[in-house]
Amino acid sequence: MPTPRINRALDQLRDVTFERGYVRSATGSVLIRAGGTAVICTASIAPGVPDWMTGKGRGWLTAEYAMLPTSTTPRKKRDRGPSLDGRSTEIQRLIGRSLRAVIDFKALGEATIVIDCDVLEADGGTRTASITGAYVALFDALRASEKIIPCGALALTSQVAAISVGIVDDEPRLDLDYAEDSTAHVDMNIVMTGTGGFVEVQGTAERGTFESLALESMLALGRKGIQELLSLQNLSLASSGR
């Protein structure tokens, strides 16, 4: 049965909002909403780096991702320590790679950034929302941590954002929600920087294969969506925020 898209064009993002300073105790934080998906992203910065990096004059960034138990129906079992599921491990590695792509680690100096992304509500696109929101949290954290990192947000070399695309009912669609994602013939996540470079493209045919024409149409949709997200990040960061 076809999966309709209600009140949204095939190339249209869901409503995206950023609520900066959402966690008062965090150096940088944001609640990002993308349609029915909501993720709290925080960035913490501390002097020092892991032992294997000490003395190299470079910083480091790592990320953690989790879905809260009631972010889905039925309730999801809470991830704990060694029991972290493979999907969560994959996503937190993706978040880390995406943000490391836009940091000048020499400018950062020997400091460590920890990004935490916790999904409050999941309606598709949690990993892409996490990356897009985490950039905003990271920018605010760097700007607020100039005693630790004198260059502040200048340690960022570009923006980064991510979006999902797919083929649903033989149609390329931007920013899939859960209903679309669960019936998609092809599901793809795209991560790009503000300078137009790709950080990662994850694409899978759920049934059969897909042709190069479909790939090109999804990449074009992804570029369009990411440009819009980059603009929304800028608008949010230009406001008073915290």
C-alpha atoms as a PDB file:
ATOM      1  CA  MET A   1       0.000   0.000   0.000  1.00  0.00           C
ATOM      2  CA  PRO A   2       1.471   3.428  -0.930  1.00  0.00           C
ATOM      3  CA  THR A   3       2.870   5.590   1.859  1.00  0.00           C
ATOM      4  CA  PRO A   4       1.367   9.079   1.359  1.00  0.00           C
ATOM      5  CA  ARG A   5       3.199  12.244   2.249  1.00  0.00           C
ATOM      6  CA  ILE A   6       0.717  14.529   3.948  1.00  0.00           C
ATOM      7  CA  ASN A   7       1.038  18.335   3.804  1.00  0.00           C
ATOM      8  CA  ARG A   8       4.646  18.194   2.597  1.00  0.00           C
ATOM      9  CA  ALA A   9       6.202  18.194  -0.869  1.00  0.00           C
ATOM     10  CA  LEU A  10       8.539  15.343  -1.797  1.00  0.00           C
ATOM     11  CA  ASP A  11      11.543  17.704  -1.652  1.00  0.00           C
ATOM     12  CA  GLN A  12      10.486  19.474   1.550  1.00  0.00           C
ATOM     13  CA  LEU A  13      12.084  19.164   4.988  1.00  0.00           C
ATOM     14  CA  ARG A  14       9.981  18.509   8.030  1.00  0.00           C
ATOM     15  CA  ASP A  15       9.678  21.505  10.358  1.00  0.00           C
ATOM     16  CA  VAL A  16      13.099  21.917  12.007  1.00  0.00           C
ATOM     17  CA  THR A  17      13.715  23.964  15.155  1.00  0.00           C
ATOM     18  CA  PHE A  18      16.701  24.501  17.464  1.00  0.00           C
ATOM     19  CA  GLU A  19      16.228  25.394  21.136  1.00  0.00           C
ATOM     20  CA  ARG A  20      19.685  26.420  22.283  1.00  0.00           C
ATOM     21  CA  GLY A  21      20.766  26.358  25.916  1.00  0.00           C
ATOM     22  CA  TYR A  22      18.287  23.558  26.605  1.00  0.00           C
ATOM     23  CA  VAL A  23      20.481  21.969  29.306  1.00  0.00           C
ATOM     24  CA  ARG A  24      21.669  24.665  31.694  1.00  0.00           C
ATOM     25  CA  SER A  25      24.548  22.605  33.119  1.00  0.00           C
ATOM     26  CA  ALA A  26      26.043  21.850  29.697  1.00  0.00           C
ATOM     27  CA  THR A  27      28.644  24.100  28.071  1.00  0.00           C
ATOM     28  CA  GLY A  28      26.732  23.914  24.800  1.00  0.00           C
ATOM     29  CA  SER A  29      23.334  22.328  24.264  1.00  0.00           C
ATOM     30  CA  VAL A  30      20.373  22.279  21.931  1.00  0.00           C
ATOM     31  CA  LEU A  31      17.066  20.502  21.569  1.00  0.00           C
ATOM     32  CA  ILE A  32      16.597  19.854  17.865  1.00  0.00           C
ATOM     33  CA  ARG A  33      13.170  18.932  16.549  1.00  0.00           C
ATOM     34  CA  ALA A  34      12.660  17.587  13.041  1.00  0.00           C
ATOM     35  CA  GLY A  35       8.998  16.763  12.655  1.00  0.00           C
ATOM     36  CA  GLY A  36       8.212  14.145  15.289  1.00  0.00           C
ATOM     37  CA  THR A  37      11.872  13.472  16.101  1.00  0.00           C
ATOM     38  CA  ALA A  38      13.434  15.263  19.073  1.00  0.00           C
ATOM     39  CA  VAL A  39      17.072  14.952  20.198  1.00  0.00           C
ATOM     40  CA  ILE A  40      18.969  16.662  23.014  1.00  0.00           C
ATOM     41  CA  CYS A  41      22.537  17.376  21.880  1.00  0.00           C
ATOM     42  CA  THR A  42      25.177  18.588  24.338  1.00  0.00           C
ATOM     43  CA  ALA A  43      28.860  19.435  24.011  1.00  0.00           C
ATOM     44  CA  SER A  44      31.290  19.331  26.936  1.00  0.00           C
ATOM     45  CA  ILE A  45      34.906  20.516  26.781  1.00  0.00           C
ATOM     46  CA  ALA A  46      37.704  19.690  29.217  1.00  0.00           C
ATOM     47  CA  PRO A  47      41.482  20.202  29.223  1.00  0.00           C
ATOM     48  CA  GLY A  48      43.575  17.171  28.325  1.00  0.00           C
ATOM     49  CA  VAL A  49      43.345  14.388  25.758  1.00  0.00           C
ATOM     50  CA  PRO A  50      43.427  10.582  25.833  1.00  0.00           C
ATOM     51  CA  ASP A  51      46.811   9.095  26.794  1.00  0.00           C
ATOM     52  CA  TRP A  52      47.578   8.055  23.238  1.00  0.00           C
ATOM     53  CA  MET A  53      47.361  11.720  22.126  1.00  0.00           C
ATOM     54  CA  THR A  54      49.225  13.394  24.993  1.00  0.00           C
ATOM     55  CA  GLY A  55      52.080  15.643  23.927  1.00  0.00           C
ATOM     56  CA  LYS A  56      51.014  15.927  20.284  1.00  0.00           C
ATOM     57  CA  GLY A  57      49.496  19.398  20.650  1.00  0.00           C
ATOM     58  CA  ARG A  58      46.195  18.283  19.149  1.00  0.00           C
ATOM     59  CA  GLY A  59      42.700  17.915  20.548  1.00  0.00           C
ATOM     60  CA  TRP A  60      40.093  15.210  20.212  1.00  0.00           C
ATOM     61  CA  LEU A  61      36.336  14.781  19.883  1.00  0.00           C
ATOM     62  CA  THR A  62      34.234  11.767  20.716  1.00  0.00           C
ATOM     63  CA  ALA A  63      30.476  11.197  20.681  1.00  0.00           C
ATOM     64  CA  GLU A  64      27.859   9.118  22.462  1.00  0.00           C
ATOM     65  CA  TYR A  65      24.320   8.382  21.234  1.00  0.00           C
ATOM     66  CA  ALA A  66      21.365   6.769  22.937  1.00  0.00           C
ATOM     67  CA  MET A  67      17.643   6.446  22.495  1.00  0.00           C
ATOM     68  CA  LEU A  68      15.699   6.942  25.703  1.00  0.00           C
ATOM     69  CA  PRO A  69      13.473   3.950  26.521  1.00  0.00           C
ATOM     70  CA  THR A  70      10.190   5.711  25.741  1.00  0.00           C
ATOM     71  CA  SER A  71      11.453   7.398  22.548  1.00  0.00           C
ATOM     72  CA  THR A  72       9.758   4.560  20.651  1.00  0.00           C
ATOM     73  CA  THR A  73       6.744   2.316  21.001  1.00  0.00           C
ATOM     74  CA  PRO A  74       7.063  -0.324  22.353  1.00  0.00           C
ATOM     75  CA  ARG A  75       9.560   0.779  25.016  1.00  0.00           C
ATOM     76  CA  LYS A  76      13.180   0.290  24.010  1.00  0.00           C
ATOM     77  CA  LYS A  77      15.463  -1.445  26.467  1.00  0.00           C
ATOM     78  CA  ARG A  78      17.978   1.011  27.922  1.00  0.00           C
ATOM     79  CA  ASP A  79      21.548   0.698  26.599  1.00  0.00           C
ATOM     80  CA  ARG A  80      24.012  -0.012  29.379  1.00  0.00           C
ATOM     81  CA  GLY A  81      27.805  -0.326  29.169  1.00  0.00           C
ATOM     82  CA  PRO A  82      28.913  -3.421  27.252  1.00  0.00           C
ATOM     83  CA  SER A  83      25.294  -4.073  26.189  1.00  0.00           C
ATOM     84  CA  LEU A  84      25.289  -1.011  23.871  1.00  0.00           C
ATOM     85  CA  ASP A  85      23.614  -2.277  20.733  1.00  0.00           C
ATOM     86  CA  GLY A  86      25.341  -2.322  17.362  1.00  0.00           C
ATOM     87  CA  ARG A  87      23.100   0.365  15.892  1.00  0.00           C
ATOM     88  CA  SER A  88      23.881   2.847  18.680  1.00  0.00           C
ATOM     89  CA  THR A  89      27.599   2.136  18.339  1.00  0.00           C
ATOM     90  CA  GLU A  90      27.451   2.728  14.591  1.00  0.00           C
ATOM     91  CA  ILE A  91      25.547   5.993  14.999  1.00  0.00           C
ATOM     92  CA  GLN A  92      27.784   7.474  17.668  1.00  0.00           C
ATOM     93  CA  ARG A  93      30.819   6.699  15.507  1.00  0.00           C
ATOM     94  CA  LEU A  94      29.106   8.465  12.593  1.00  0.00           C
ATOM     95  CA  ILE A  95      28.373  11.525  14.753  1.00  0.00           C
ATOM     96  CA  GLY A  96      32.006  11.650  15.873  1.00  0.00           C
ATOM     97  CA  ARG A  97      33.373  11.331  12.324  1.00  0.00           C
ATOM     98  CA  SER A  98      30.999  14.012  11.061  1.00  0.00           C
ATOM     99  CA  LEU A  99      32.031  16.615  13.643  1.00  0.00           C
ATOM    100  CA  ARG A 100      35.733  15.776  13.504  1.00  0.00           C
ATOM    101  CA  ALA A 101      35.567  16.609   9.778  1.00  0.00           C
ATOM    102  CA  VAL A 102      35.037  20.311  10.596  1.00  0.00           C
ATOM    103  CA  ILE A 103      37.475  20.846  13.487  1.00  0.00           C
ATOM    104  CA  ASP A 104      41.039  22.148  13.329  1.00  0.00           C
ATOM    105  CA  PHE A 105      42.494  19.944  16.044  1.00  0.00           C
ATOM    106  CA  LYS A 106      45.778  21.865  16.155  1.00  0.00           C
ATOM    107  CA  ALA A 107      43.867  25.071  16.860  1.00  0.00           C
ATOM    108  CA  LEU A 108      41.893  23.200  19.516  1.00  0.00           C
ATOM    109  CA  GLY A 109      45.064  22.349  21.435  1.00  0.00           C
ATOM    110  CA  GLU A 110      45.114  19.518  23.956  1.00  0.00           C
ATOM    111  CA  ALA A 111      41.444  19.565  24.892  1.00  0.00           C
ATOM    112  CA  THR A 112      38.748  16.945  24.561  1.00  0.00           C
ATOM    113  CA  ILE A 113      35.183  17.525  23.392  1.00  0.00           C
ATOM    114  CA  VAL A 114      32.461  15.032  24.256  1.00  0.00           C
ATOM    115  CA  ILE A 115      29.221  15.156  22.299  1.00  0.00           C
ATOM    116  CA  ASP A 116      26.131  13.492  23.791  1.00  0.00           C
ATOM    117  CA  CYS A 117      23.024  12.922  21.688  1.00  0.00           C
ATOM    118  CA  ASP A 118      19.960  11.553  23.498  1.00  0.00           C
ATOM    119  CA  VAL A 119      16.809  10.835  21.524  1.00  0.00           C
ATOM    120  CA  LEU A 120      13.630  11.928  23.317  1.00  0.00           C
ATOM    121  CA  GLU A 121      11.242  11.049  20.501  1.00  0.00           C
ATOM    122  CA  ALA A 122      12.008   9.005  17.391  1.00  0.00           C
ATOM    123  CA  ASP A 123      10.079   9.418  14.148  1.00  0.00           C
ATOM    124  CA  GLY A 124      12.852   8.732  11.648  1.00  0.00           C
ATOM    125  CA  GLY A 125      16.129  10.532  11.013  1.00  0.00           C
ATOM    126  CA  THR A 126      17.507  10.400  14.556  1.00  0.00           C
ATOM    127  CA  ARG A 127      21.122  10.077  13.419  1.00  0.00           C
ATOM    128  CA  THR A 128      20.872  12.935  10.946  1.00  0.00           C
ATOM    129  CA  ALA A 129      19.105  15.181  13.463  1.00  0.00           C
ATOM    130  CA  SER A 130      21.809  14.320  16.006  1.00  0.00           C
ATOM    131  CA  ILE A 131      24.593  15.467  13.672  1.00  0.00           C
ATOM    132  CA  THR A 132      22.770  18.647  12.653  1.00  0.00           C
ATOM    133  CA  GLY A 133      21.938  19.562  16.251  1.00  0.00           C
ATOM    134  CA  ALA A 134      25.343  18.578  17.618  1.00  0.00           C
ATOM    135  CA  TYR A 135      27.036  21.138  15.385  1.00  0.00           C
ATOM    136  CA  VAL A 136      24.989  23.917  17.008  1.00  0.00           C
ATOM    137  CA  ALA A 137      25.796  22.628  20.510  1.00  0.00           C
ATOM    138  CA  LEU A 138      29.480  22.370  19.590  1.00  0.00           C
ATOM    139  CA  PHE A 139      29.590  25.933  18.244  1.00  0.00           C
ATOM    140  CA  ASP A 140      28.085  27.295  21.462  1.00  0.00           C
ATOM    141  CA  ALA A 141      30.405  25.201  23.631  1.00  0.00           C
ATOM    142  CA  LEU A 142      33.515  26.418  21.821  1.00  0.00           C
ATOM    143  CA  ARG A 143      32.343  30.014  22.011  1.00  0.00           C
ATOM    144  CA  ALA A 144      31.777  29.652  25.775  1.00  0.00           C
ATOM    145  CA  SER A 145      35.113  27.911  26.456  1.00  0.00           C
ATOM    146  CA  GLU A 146      37.669  30.493  25.392  1.00  0.00           C
ATOM    147  CA  LYS A 147      39.585  30.078  28.674  1.00  0.00           C
ATOM    148  CA  ILE A 148      40.322  26.497  27.644  1.00  0.00           C
ATOM    149  CA  ILE A 149      40.421  27.067  23.879  1.00  0.00           C
ATOM    150  CA  PRO A 150      41.509  30.658  23.137  1.00  0.00           C
ATOM    151  CA  CYS A 151      40.401  30.529  19.484  1.00  0.00           C
ATOM    152  CA  GLY A 152      36.876  29.493  20.521  1.00  0.00           C
ATOM    153  CA  ALA A 153      34.559  28.749  17.622  1.00  0.00           C
ATOM    154  CA  LEU A 154      37.361  29.614  15.176  1.00  0.00           C
ATOM    155  CA  ALA A 155      38.519  26.021  15.743  1.00  0.00           C
ATOM    156  CA  LEU A 156      35.631  25.083  13.446  1.00  0.00           C
ATOM    157  CA  THR A 157      36.626  24.998   9.780  1.00  0.00           C
ATOM    158  CA  SER A 158      33.075  24.716   8.435  1.00  0.00           C
ATOM    159  CA  GLN A 159      29.530  23.737   9.304  1.00  0.00           C
ATOM    160  CA  VAL A 160      28.209  20.197   9.054  1.00  0.00           C
ATOM    161  CA  ALA A 161      24.676  18.855   8.703  1.00  0.00           C
ATOM    162  CA  ALA A 162      22.987  15.622   7.688  1.00  0.00           C
ATOM    163  CA  ILE A 163      19.728  14.485   6.125  1.00  0.00           C
ATOM    164  CA  SER A 164      17.977  11.299   5.055  1.00  0.00           C
ATOM    165  CA  VAL A 165      16.673  10.653   1.556  1.00  0.00           C
ATOM    166  CA  GLY A 166      15.083   7.626  -0.022  1.00  0.00           C
ATOM    167  CA  ILE A 167      12.979   6.041  -2.708  1.00  0.00           C
ATOM    168  CA  VAL A 168       9.438   5.408  -1.499  1.00  0.00           C
ATOM    169  CA  ASP A 169       6.725   4.207  -3.910  1.00  0.00           C
ATOM    170  CA  ASP A 170       9.235   4.765  -6.760  1.00  0.00           C
ATOM    171  CA  GLU A 171       9.578   8.452  -5.788  1.00  0.00           C
ATOM    172  CA  PRO A 172      12.704  10.168  -4.431  1.00  0.00           C
ATOM    173  CA  ARG A 173      11.818  11.790  -1.091  1.00  0.00           C
ATOM    174  CA  LEU A 174      13.671  14.094   1.271  1.00  0.00           C
ATOM    175  CA  ASP A 175      13.792  13.738   5.066  1.00  0.00           C
ATOM    176  CA  LEU A 176      11.992  10.439   5.634  1.00  0.00           C
ATOM    177  CA  ASP A 177       9.808   9.990   8.680  1.00  0.00           C
ATOM    178  CA  TYR A 178       9.399   6.561  10.264  1.00  0.00           C
ATOM    179  CA  ALA A 179       6.450   5.493   8.108  1.00  0.00           C
ATOM    180  CA  GLU A 180       8.372   6.345   4.947  1.00  0.00           C
ATOM    181  CA  ASP A 181      11.654   4.884   6.163  1.00  0.00           C
ATOM    182  CA  SER A 182      10.028   1.579   7.105  1.00  0.00           C
ATOM    183  CA  THR A 183       8.597   1.117   3.585  1.00  0.00           C
ATOM    184  CA  ALA A 184      11.446   2.659   1.555  1.00  0.00           C
ATOM    185  CA  HIS A 185      12.909   0.741  -1.359  1.00  0.00           C
ATOM    186  CA  VAL A 186      16.143   2.690  -0.838  1.00  0.00           C
ATOM    187  CA  ASP A 187      17.231   4.468   2.339  1.00  0.00           C
ATOM    188  CA  MET A 188      20.185   6.861   2.373  1.00  0.00           C
ATOM    189  CA  ASN A 189      21.822   9.182   4.901  1.00  0.00           C
ATOM    190  CA  ILE A 190      24.002  12.026   3.648  1.00  0.00           C
ATOM    191  CA  VAL A 191      26.433  14.141   5.690  1.00  0.00           C
ATOM    192  CA  MET A 192      27.949  17.278   4.137  1.00  0.00           C
ATOM    193  CA  THR A 193      29.978  20.256   5.246  1.00  0.00           C
ATOM    194  CA  GLY A 194      29.200  23.895   4.625  1.00  0.00           C
ATOM    195  CA  THR A 195      31.849  23.961   1.889  1.00  0.00           C
ATOM    196  CA  GLY A 196      29.993  21.281  -0.074  1.00  0.00           C
ATOM    197  CA  GLY A 197      32.184  18.305   0.775  1.00  0.00           C
ATOM    198  CA  PHE A 198      30.708  14.919   1.589  1.00  0.00           C
ATOM    199  CA  VAL A 199      31.626  13.409   4.950  1.00  0.00           C
ATOM    200  CA  GLU A 200      29.606  10.254   4.468  1.00  0.00           C
ATOM    201  CA  VAL A 201      26.987   8.728   2.199  1.00  0.00           C
ATOM    202  CA  GLN A 202      25.217   5.635   3.571  1.00  0.00           C
ATOM    203  CA  GLY A 203      22.826   4.090   1.066  1.00  0.00           C
ATOM    204  CA  THR A 204      21.104   0.725   1.065  1.00  0.00           C
ATOM    205  CA  ALA A 205      18.589  -0.940  -1.217  1.00  0.00           C
ATOM    206  CA  GLU A 206      16.126  -2.721   1.058  1.00  0.00           C
ATOM    207  CA  ARG A 207      14.661  -4.756  -1.805  1.00  0.00           C
ATOM    208  CA  GLY A 208      16.529  -5.464  -5.036  1.00  0.00           C
ATOM    209  CA  THR A 209      18.851  -2.794  -6.440  1.00  0.00           C
ATOM    210  CA  PHE A 210      18.747   0.840  -7.519  1.00  0.00           C
ATOM    211  CA  GLU A 211      20.135   2.567 -10.594  1.00  0.00           C
ATOM    212  CA  SER A 212      22.613   5.441 -10.918  1.00  0.00           C
ATOM    213  CA  LEU A 213      19.787   7.795 -11.940  1.00  0.00           C
ATOM    214  CA  ALA A 214      18.073   7.150  -8.600  1.00  0.00           C
ATOM    215  CA  LEU A 215      21.369   7.745  -6.793  1.00  0.00           C
ATOM    216  CA  GLU A 216      21.835  11.075  -8.572  1.00  0.00           C
ATOM    217  CA  SER A 217      18.294  12.182  -7.717  1.00  0.00           C
ATOM    218  CA  MET A 218      18.786  11.317  -4.046  1.00  0.00           C
ATOM    219  CA  LEU A 219      22.124  13.127  -3.883  1.00  0.00           C
ATOM    220  CA  ALA A 220      20.529  16.215  -5.443  1.00  0.00           C
ATOM    221  CA  LEU A 221      17.702  16.100  -2.894  1.00  0.00           C
ATOM    222  CA  GLY A 222      20.222  15.637  -0.091  1.00  0.00           C
ATOM    223  CA  ARG A 223      22.270  18.654  -1.185  1.00  0.00           C
ATOM    224  CA  LYS A 224      19.128  20.790  -1.286  1.00  0.00           C
ATOM    225  CA  GLY A 225      18.034  19.674   2.170  1.00  0.00           C
ATOM    226  CA  ILE A 226      21.460  20.158   3.720  1.00  0.00           C
ATOM    227  CA  GLN A 227      21.758  23.678   2.307  1.00  0.00           C
ATOM    228  CA  GLU A 228      18.468  24.496   4.006  1.00  0.00           C
ATOM    229  CA  LEU A 229      19.654  22.956   7.288  1.00  0.00           C
ATOM    230  CA  LEU A 230      22.896  24.938   7.159  1.00  0.00           C
ATOM    231  CA  SER A 231      20.851  28.115   6.768  1.00  0.00           C
ATOM    232  CA  LEU A 232      18.652  27.139   9.725  1.00  0.00           C
ATOM    233  CA  GLN A 233      21.760  26.499  11.847  1.00  0.00           C
ATOM    234  CA  ASN A 234      23.037  29.963  10.988  1.00  0.00           C
ATOM    235  CA  LEU A 235      19.739  31.600  11.804  1.00  0.00           C
ATOM    236  CA  SER A 236      19.662  29.882  15.175  1.00  0.00           C
ATOM    237  CA  LEU A 237      23.258  30.806  16.010  1.00  0.00           C
ATOM    238  CA  ALA A 238      22.643  34.413  15.011  1.00  0.00           C
ATOM    239  CA  SER A 239      19.895  34.711  17.628  1.00  0.00           C
ATOM    240  CA  SER A 240      20.540  35.486  21.293  1.00  0.00           C
ATOM    241  CA  GLY A 241      20.228  31.781  22.202  1.00  0.00           C
ATOM    242  CA  ARG A 242      21.436  31.125  25.716  1.00  0.00           C
END
